Every structure is written in C-alpha cells, then in structure tokens.
C-alpha atoms as a PDB file:
ATOM      1  CA  MET A   1      13.029 -30.400  94.704  1.00  0.00           C
ATOM      2  CA  TYR A   2      11.883 -29.906  91.210  1.00  0.00           C
ATOM      3  CA  GLU A   3       8.479 -28.612  92.072  1.00  0.00           C
ATOM      4  CA  GLU A   4      10.463 -26.596  94.430  1.00  0.00           C
ATOM      5  CA  LEU A   5      13.276 -25.183  91.758  1.00  0.00           C
ATOM      6  CA  LYS A   6      11.180 -25.197  88.496  1.00  0.00           C
ATOM      7  CA  ASP A   7      10.566 -21.688  88.558  1.00  0.00           C
ATOM      8  CA  ASP A   8      14.738 -20.838  88.799  1.00  0.00           C
ATOM      9  CA  GLY A   9      15.581 -22.257  85.720  1.00  0.00           C
ATOM     10  CA  PHE A  10      15.688 -26.056  86.655  1.00  0.00           C
ATOM     11  CA  THR A  11      14.917 -29.609  85.686  1.00  0.00           C
ATOM     12  CA  VAL A  12      15.087 -33.077  86.562  1.00  0.00           C
ATOM     13  CA  ILE A  13      15.792 -35.432  84.507  1.00  0.00           C
ATOM     14  CA  THR A  14      15.034 -39.259  85.484  1.00  0.00           C
ATOM     15  CA  VAL A  15      16.427 -42.409  84.022  1.00  0.00           C
ATOM     16  CA  ALA A  16      15.598 -45.853  85.137  1.00  0.00           C
ATOM     17  CA  LEU A  17      18.442 -48.837  84.093  1.00  0.00           C
ATOM     18  CA  ASP A  18      16.006 -51.591  82.872  1.00  0.00           C
ATOM     19  CA  LYS A  19      15.762 -54.659  80.990  1.00  0.00           C
ATOM     20  CA  ASN A  20      12.256 -53.507  79.093  1.00  0.00           C
ATOM     21  CA  VAL A  21       9.867 -50.690  79.912  1.00  0.00           C
ATOM     22  CA  GLU A  22       6.994 -52.695  81.196  1.00  0.00           C
ATOM     23  CA  GLU A  23       8.810 -53.449  84.338  1.00  0.00           C
ATOM     24  CA  ALA A  24       9.522 -49.534  84.873  1.00  0.00           C
ATOM     25  CA  ARG A  25       6.591 -48.477  83.584  1.00  0.00           C
ATOM     26  CA  PRO A  26       4.039 -49.118  86.848  1.00  0.00           C
ATOM     27  CA  TRP A  27       6.713 -47.668  89.290  1.00  0.00           C
ATOM     28  CA  ILE A  28       7.129 -44.478  87.090  1.00  0.00           C
ATOM     29  CA  GLU A  29       3.062 -44.456  86.698  1.00  0.00           C
ATOM     30  CA  LEU A  30       2.912 -44.862  90.287  1.00  0.00           C
ATOM     31  CA  ALA A  31       5.414 -41.472  91.398  1.00  0.00           C
ATOM     32  CA  LYS A  32       3.408 -39.766  88.633  1.00  0.00           C
ATOM     33  CA  PRO A  33       5.949 -36.950  88.348  1.00  0.00           C
ATOM     34  CA  ASP A  34       6.073 -33.876  86.964  1.00  0.00           C
ATOM     35  CA  HIS A  35       9.837 -34.127  85.191  1.00  0.00           C
ATOM     36  CA  PRO A  36      10.564 -36.435  82.435  1.00  0.00           C
ATOM     37  CA  SER A  37      10.954 -39.780  83.256  1.00  0.00           C
ATOM     38  CA  LEU A  38      13.311 -42.039  81.326  1.00  0.00           C
ATOM     39  CA  ILE A  39      13.579 -45.414  80.391  1.00  0.00           C
ATOM     40  CA  ASP A  40      16.798 -46.410  79.182  1.00  0.00           C
ATOM     41  CA  THR A  41      16.869 -49.993  78.077  1.00  0.00           C
ATOM     42  CA  LYS A  42      20.270 -49.990  75.950  1.00  0.00           C
ATOM     43  CA  HIS A  43      22.016 -48.036  79.944  1.00  0.00           C
ATOM     44  CA  LEU A  44      23.377 -45.936  76.912  1.00  0.00           C
ATOM     45  CA  VAL A  45      23.361 -42.985  79.911  1.00  0.00           C
ATOM     46  CA  ALA A  46      25.706 -45.133  81.766  1.00  0.00           C
ATOM     47  CA  ASP A  47      27.852 -45.711  79.236  1.00  0.00           C
ATOM     48  CA  LEU A  48      28.000 -41.938  78.523  1.00  0.00           C
ATOM     49  CA  TYR A  49      28.384 -40.686  82.115  1.00  0.00           C
ATOM     50  CA  ASN A  50      30.342 -43.681  83.328  1.00  0.00           C
ATOM     51  CA  MET A  51      27.467 -44.236  85.806  1.00  0.00           C
ATOM     52  CA  VAL A  52      28.635 -47.663  87.876  1.00  0.00           C
ATOM     53  CA  ASN A  53      25.831 -47.281  90.139  1.00  0.00           C
ATOM     54  CA  VAL A  54      22.168 -45.964  91.199  1.00  0.00           C
ATOM     55  CA  PRO A  55      21.441 -44.007  92.722  1.00  0.00           C
ATOM     56  CA  THR A  56      23.735 -41.570  90.602  1.00  0.00           C
ATOM     57  CA  ILE A  57      23.232 -37.897  90.337  1.00  0.00           C
ATOM     58  CA  LEU A  58      25.471 -35.402  87.899  1.00  0.00           C
ATOM     59  CA  TRP A  59      24.682 -31.797  87.098  1.00  0.00           C
ATOM     60  CA  ILE A  60      25.059 -30.392  83.969  1.00  0.00           C
ATOM     61  CA  ASP A  61      24.942 -26.391  83.082  1.00  0.00           C
ATOM     62  CA  GLU A  62      22.793 -24.669  80.802  1.00  0.00           C
ATOM     63  CA  SER A  63      25.460 -24.558  78.043  1.00  0.00           C
ATOM     64  CA  GLY A  64      25.607 -28.547  78.320  1.00  0.00           C
ATOM     65  CA  GLN A  65      28.812 -28.516  80.657  1.00  0.00           C
ATOM     66  CA  ILE A  66      29.263 -31.347  83.386  1.00  0.00           C
ATOM     67  CA  VAL A  67      29.092 -29.112  87.071  1.00  0.00           C
ATOM     68  CA  ARG A  68      28.980 -31.932  89.425  1.00  0.00           C
ATOM     69  CA  PRO A  69      30.228 -35.266  88.209  1.00  0.00           C
ATOM     70  CA  ASN A  70      28.302 -38.381  88.857  1.00  0.00           C
ATOM     71  CA  ASP A  71      27.982 -38.733  92.735  1.00  0.00           C
ATOM     72  CA  VAL A  72      25.592 -40.102  95.029  1.00  0.00           C
ATOM     73  CA  ALA A  73      22.531 -38.755  96.165  1.00  0.00           C
ATOM     74  CA  TYR A  74      18.738 -40.098  97.618  1.00  0.00           C
ATOM     75  CA  GLY A  75      15.280 -37.572  97.420  1.00  0.00           C
ATOM     76  CA  ASP A  76      14.907 -38.101 100.945  1.00  0.00           C
ATOM     77  CA  ASN A  77      16.268 -40.172 104.022  1.00  0.00           C
ATOM     78  CA  THR A  78      14.567 -43.384 103.770  1.00  0.00           C
ATOM     79  CA  TRP A  79      17.604 -45.373 103.053  1.00  0.00           C
ATOM     80  CA  GLN A  80      20.467 -43.035 105.372  1.00  0.00           C
ATOM     81  CA  LYS A  81      20.574 -46.300 107.975  1.00  0.00           C
ATOM     82  CA  VAL A  82      21.556 -47.994 104.767  1.00  0.00           C
ATOM     83  CA  THR A  83      23.500 -46.314 103.343  1.00  0.00           C
ATOM     84  CA  GLY A  84      24.874 -43.304 105.296  1.00  0.00           C
ATOM     85  CA  PHE A  85      24.099 -40.378 102.953  1.00  0.00           C
ATOM     86  CA  ASP A  86      22.611 -37.641 104.759  1.00  0.00           C
ATOM     87  CA  SER A  87      19.847 -36.184 101.638  1.00  0.00           C
ATOM     88  CA  GLU A  88      20.079 -32.646 103.368  1.00  0.00           C
ATOM     89  CA  VAL A  89      23.512 -31.977 102.199  1.00  0.00           C
ATOM     90  CA  HIS A  90      22.697 -32.620  98.259  1.00  0.00           C
ATOM     91  CA  LYS A  91      19.726 -30.721  98.459  1.00  0.00           C
ATOM     92  CA  THR A  92      21.761 -27.617 100.228  1.00  0.00           C
ATOM     93  CA  ALA A  93      24.231 -27.850  97.564  1.00  0.00           C
ATOM     94  CA  LEU A  94      22.188 -27.773  94.379  1.00  0.00           C
ATOM     95  CA  ARG A  95      19.993 -25.368  95.815  1.00  0.00           C
ATOM     96  CA  ASP A  96      22.589 -23.456  96.328  1.00  0.00           C
ATOM     97  CA  TRP A  97      23.637 -23.860  93.077  1.00  0.00           C
ATOM     98  CA  VAL A  98      20.242 -23.553  91.242  1.00  0.00           C
ATOM     99  CA  LYS A  99      19.453 -20.184  93.281  1.00  0.00           C
ATOM    100  CA  THR A 100      22.786 -18.259  93.574  1.00  0.00           C
ATOM    101  CA  GLY A 101      24.948 -20.141  91.291  1.00  0.00           C
ATOM    102  CA  ASN A 102      27.517 -20.625  93.736  1.00  0.00           C
ATOM    103  CA  ILE A 103      29.678 -25.046  93.087  1.00  0.00           C
ATOM    104  CA  ALA A 104      31.338 -26.503  95.204  1.00  0.00           C
ATOM    105  CA  PHE A 105      34.004 -27.114  92.316  1.00  0.00           C
ATOM    106  CA  ASP A 106      34.873 -24.995  89.871  1.00  0.00           C
ATOM    107  CA  ALA A 107      35.578 -26.721  85.952  1.00  0.00           C
ATOM    108  CA  ASP A 108      39.153 -28.152  86.589  1.00  0.00           C
ATOM    109  CA  ARG A 109      38.298 -29.251  89.818  1.00  0.00           C
ATOM    110  CA  ALA A 110      35.148 -30.575  88.265  1.00  0.00           C
ATOM    111  CA  ARG A 111      36.987 -33.039  84.967  1.00  0.00           C
ATOM    112  CA  GLU A 112      39.546 -33.809  87.373  1.00  0.00           C
ATOM    113  CA  LEU A 113      36.531 -35.953  89.831  1.00  0.00           C
ATOM    114  CA  GLN A 114      34.845 -37.093  86.527  1.00  0.00           C
ATOM    115  CA  THR A 115      36.050 -40.492  86.102  1.00  0.00           C
ATOM    116  CA  LEU A 116      36.837 -42.507  82.915  1.00  0.00           C
ATOM    117  CA  PRO A 117      36.237 -46.032  82.166  1.00  0.00           C
ATOM    118  CA  THR A 118      39.360 -47.820  81.845  1.00  0.00           C
ATOM    119  CA  ALA A 119      39.713 -50.348  78.711  1.00  0.00           C
ATOM    120  CA  ASP A 120      38.627 -53.021  80.669  1.00  0.00           C
ATOM    121  CA  HIS A 121      35.463 -51.293  81.874  1.00  0.00           C
ATOM    122  CA  GLN A 122      34.529 -50.297  77.971  1.00  0.00           C
ATOM    123  CA  GLU A 123      35.100 -53.796  76.825  1.00  0.00           C
ATOM    124  CA  ALA A 124      33.258 -54.967  80.563  1.00  0.00           C
ATOM    125  CA  ARG A 125      30.179 -52.966  78.573  1.00  0.00           C
ATOM    126  CA  ALA A 126      30.442 -54.749  75.191  1.00  0.00           C
ATOM    127  CA  GLU A 127      29.875 -57.580  76.710  1.00  0.00           C
ATOM    128  CA  PHE A 128      27.294 -56.333  78.882  1.00  0.00           C
ATOM    129  CA  ALA A 129      25.592 -55.520  75.511  1.00  0.00           C
ATOM    130  CA  LEU A 130      26.452 -58.300  73.631  1.00  0.00           C
ATOM    131  CA  GLY A 131      24.656 -60.208  76.311  1.00  0.00           C
ATOM    132  CA  GLN A 132      21.776 -58.415  75.999  1.00  0.00           C
ATOM    133  CA  TRP A 133      21.588 -58.761  72.627  1.00  0.00           C
ATOM    134  CA  LEU A 134      21.677 -62.406  72.934  1.00  0.00           C
ATOM    135  CA  TRP A 135      18.828 -62.554  75.290  1.00  0.00           C
ATOM    136  CA  GLU A 136      16.518 -60.100  73.481  1.00  0.00           C
ATOM    137  CA  GLN A 137      17.318 -62.874  71.064  1.00  0.00           C
ATOM    138  CA  GLY A 138      16.079 -66.032  72.910  1.00  0.00           C
ATOM    139  CA  LYS A 139      19.340 -66.859  73.180  1.00  0.00           C
ATOM    140  CA  LYS A 140      19.665 -66.744  77.097  1.00  0.00           C
ATOM    141  CA  GLU A 141      22.802 -69.180  78.044  1.00  0.00           C
ATOM    142  CA  ALA A 142      24.895 -67.711  75.593  1.00  0.00           C
ATOM    143  CA  GLY A 143      24.546 -63.942  77.073  1.00  0.00           C
ATOM    144  CA  LYS A 144      24.691 -64.970  80.566  1.00  0.00           C
ATOM    145  CA  ALA A 145      28.521 -66.101  79.027  1.00  0.00           C
ATOM    146  CA  HIS A 146      28.836 -62.622  78.012  1.00  0.00           C
ATOM    147  CA  PHE A 147      27.215 -61.069  81.310  1.00  0.00           C
ATOM    148  CA  LEU A 148      29.610 -63.028  83.700  1.00  0.00           C
ATOM    149  CA  ARG A 149      32.881 -61.486  80.951  1.00  0.00           C
ATOM    150  CA  ALA A 150      31.617 -58.034  81.468  1.00  0.00           C
ATOM    151  CA  GLY A 151      31.016 -58.074  85.661  1.00  0.00           C
ATOM    152  CA  GLU A 152      34.473 -60.043  85.865  1.00  0.00           C
ATOM    153  CA  LEU A 153      36.256 -57.006  83.786  1.00  0.00           C
ATOM    154  CA  ALA A 154      34.352 -54.429  85.336  1.00  0.00           C
ATOM    155  CA  PRO A 155      33.689 -55.916  89.132  1.00  0.00           C
ATOM    156  CA  HIS A 156      32.643 -51.960  90.358  1.00  0.00           C
ATOM    157  CA  ASP A 157      30.159 -51.478  87.812  1.00  0.00           C
ATOM    158  CA  PHE A 158      26.463 -52.232  89.101  1.00  0.00           C
ATOM    159  CA  THR A 159      24.837 -51.111  86.431  1.00  0.00           C
ATOM    160  CA  ILE A 160      26.260 -53.904  84.611  1.00  0.00           C
ATOM    161  CA  ARG A 161      26.439 -57.238  87.749  1.00  0.00           C
ATOM    162  CA  ARG A 162      23.102 -56.129  88.851  1.00  0.00           C
ATOM    163  CA  GLY A 163      21.454 -55.261  85.764  1.00  0.00           C
ATOM    164  CA  SER A 164      22.298 -58.274  84.364  1.00  0.00           C
ATOM    165  CA  MET A 165      19.950 -59.936  86.862  1.00  0.00           C
ATOM    166  CA  PRO A 166      16.977 -60.101  85.636  1.00  0.00           C
ATOM    167  CA  MET A 167      18.191 -61.011  82.251  1.00  0.00           C
ATOM    168  CA  GLN A 168      19.425 -64.027  84.146  1.00  0.00           C
ATOM    169  CA  ASP A 169      15.942 -64.365  86.203  1.00  0.00           C
ATOM    170  CA  VAL A 170      17.880 -63.253  89.191  1.00  0.00           C
ATOM    171  CA  ASP A 171      15.573 -61.135  91.147  1.00  0.00           C
ATOM    172  CA  PRO A 172      17.832 -57.889  91.236  1.00  0.00           C
ATOM    173  CA  MET A 173      16.746 -57.323  94.779  1.00  0.00           C
ATOM    174  CA  GLY A 174      17.293 -60.673  95.766  1.00  0.00           C
ATOM    175  CA  PRO A 175      19.612 -62.762  98.329  1.00  0.00           C
ATOM    176  CA  GLU A 176      21.984 -63.143  95.341  1.00  0.00           C
ATOM    177  CA  PHE A 177      22.541 -58.931  95.205  1.00  0.00           C
ATOM    178  CA  PHE A 178      23.148 -59.063  98.681  1.00  0.00           C
ATOM    179  CA  THR A 179      25.682 -61.696  98.657  1.00  0.00           C
ATOM    180  CA  MET A 180      27.171 -60.324  96.031  1.00  0.00           C
ATOM    181  CA  ILE A 181      27.367 -56.569  97.990  1.00  0.00           C
ATOM    182  CA  GLU A 182      28.847 -58.177 101.301  1.00  0.00           C
ATOM    183  CA  LYS A 183      31.167 -59.761  99.730  1.00  0.00           C
ATOM    184  CA  TRP A 184      31.772 -56.971  97.373  1.00  0.00           C
ATOM    185  CA  ARG A 185      32.153 -54.476 100.852  1.00  0.00           C
ATOM    186  CA  GLY A 186      33.991 -57.695 102.349  1.00  0.00           C
ATOM    187  CA  ASP A 187      37.221 -57.678 100.557  1.00  0.00           C
ATOM    188  CA  GLY A 188      37.303 -54.206 101.268  1.00  0.00           C
ATOM    189  CA  ASN A 189      35.832 -52.102  98.506  1.00  0.00           C
ATOM    190  CA  GLU A 190      33.236 -48.921  98.532  1.00  0.00           C
ATOM    191  CA  TRP A 191      29.577 -50.016  97.188  1.00  0.00           C
ATOM    192  CA  TYR A 192      29.434 -45.900  96.099  1.00  0.00           C
ATOM    193  CA  HIS A 193      31.938 -43.157  95.733  1.00  0.00           C
ATOM    194  CA  PRO A 194      30.578 -40.022  96.633  1.00  0.00           C
ATOM    195  CA  LEU A 195      32.595 -37.104  95.836  1.00  0.00           C
ATOM    196  CA  PRO A 196      34.220 -35.072  97.928  1.00  0.00           C
ATOM    197  CA  GLU A 197      32.491 -31.794  99.273  1.00  0.00           C
ATOM    198  CA  SER A 198      35.401 -29.389  97.970  1.00  0.00           C
END
C-alpha cells in the first residue's frame, strides 16, 4: 500500500511490540520495508492509542487527527480463513481516503469509536510495565506475578497477555497462546474488535 500510495502523500509507519529489538530485527530486515519500521519494547504505542491486539491499524491525517481509530486490517488474505477478515475491504477504504479524502466516519463518529482504557486497564498496563522492569533486572519470578495480575485486570488486552509470554519463557505462538485464545473465545468474547463500516 505504501508503494502504491506514497506519491499521494501517504506514509506507513509499522511498529513491532516486542520484548527486545533483536527479536524483531530479523523480521523487519527480511521484509526490507521502504517505510519507517519501529520496534517498541516498552509498548508505548499500545498505551498511547489503547491498542489491545495486533495487528491494529489507525489512520492519522496530516493535522495529527485520528480519522479512523483502532481497527483490524491485514496486508493480504493469508490469515483470512482464521480471522474472517478480507484485506481488500480495508485496502479499498484506505485508497479512497488517500485519493479522494472520503472517510467512513466524521470527527464525532471517529471520537465515539475510539475506546479509552478503564481504571483497571490502566492499572494493568502499570503492572505489565513493573513486571517488565523486574524481568529486565533479572528478577523473573517477581516479574511473573505482575504479568499475571496485569492479565487478570485486563484479560481483553492481548498486547499485555501475549506480550508478557516471552518474558515468562512461553512461546507467544505456542500451545499456551492458542489455549488462551480458545478459552477466551469459548467464553463468548471477541478476539478482535473490527470497526463498523459506517
């Protein structure tokens, strides 16, 4: 999309939420992106924009306004059977916005759709940050208790629950992750929260 739309003033910035730079670097280098690709080891972007899962996209206009709040989108349909999301829906809307300025939501609707963290969610992020700090200090067992508490306070936030897995020596794409997702969905919860189209 960046290659297609960059001459129209469109910029993509991708941000990996990883526990350290060296774990994300090979993936970025393999992709050879022409756009800025950042690695956020502190989950600051997730905190600032209340992102609770990946991939999450948001559109920000040239004046710094969020015109499409957190949404789910994929670059292609590799995962369509699993997710049910057709990447072309998002790409069509994005092209329309960049080329013509048409956007699905006016400013009031975009604000209405932007979710804000609750007090428990903010506390969960503080617990996650404390757990990460302890982990970085070599106090892994102490950190695990804070990761656990963070997940209890914000069970819907997979950037916290999944993000803490590598620091607990758990594969974030392993059986524990899929068991967690199955339980979450089995309890009637959504894994992703796509925006309505209007």
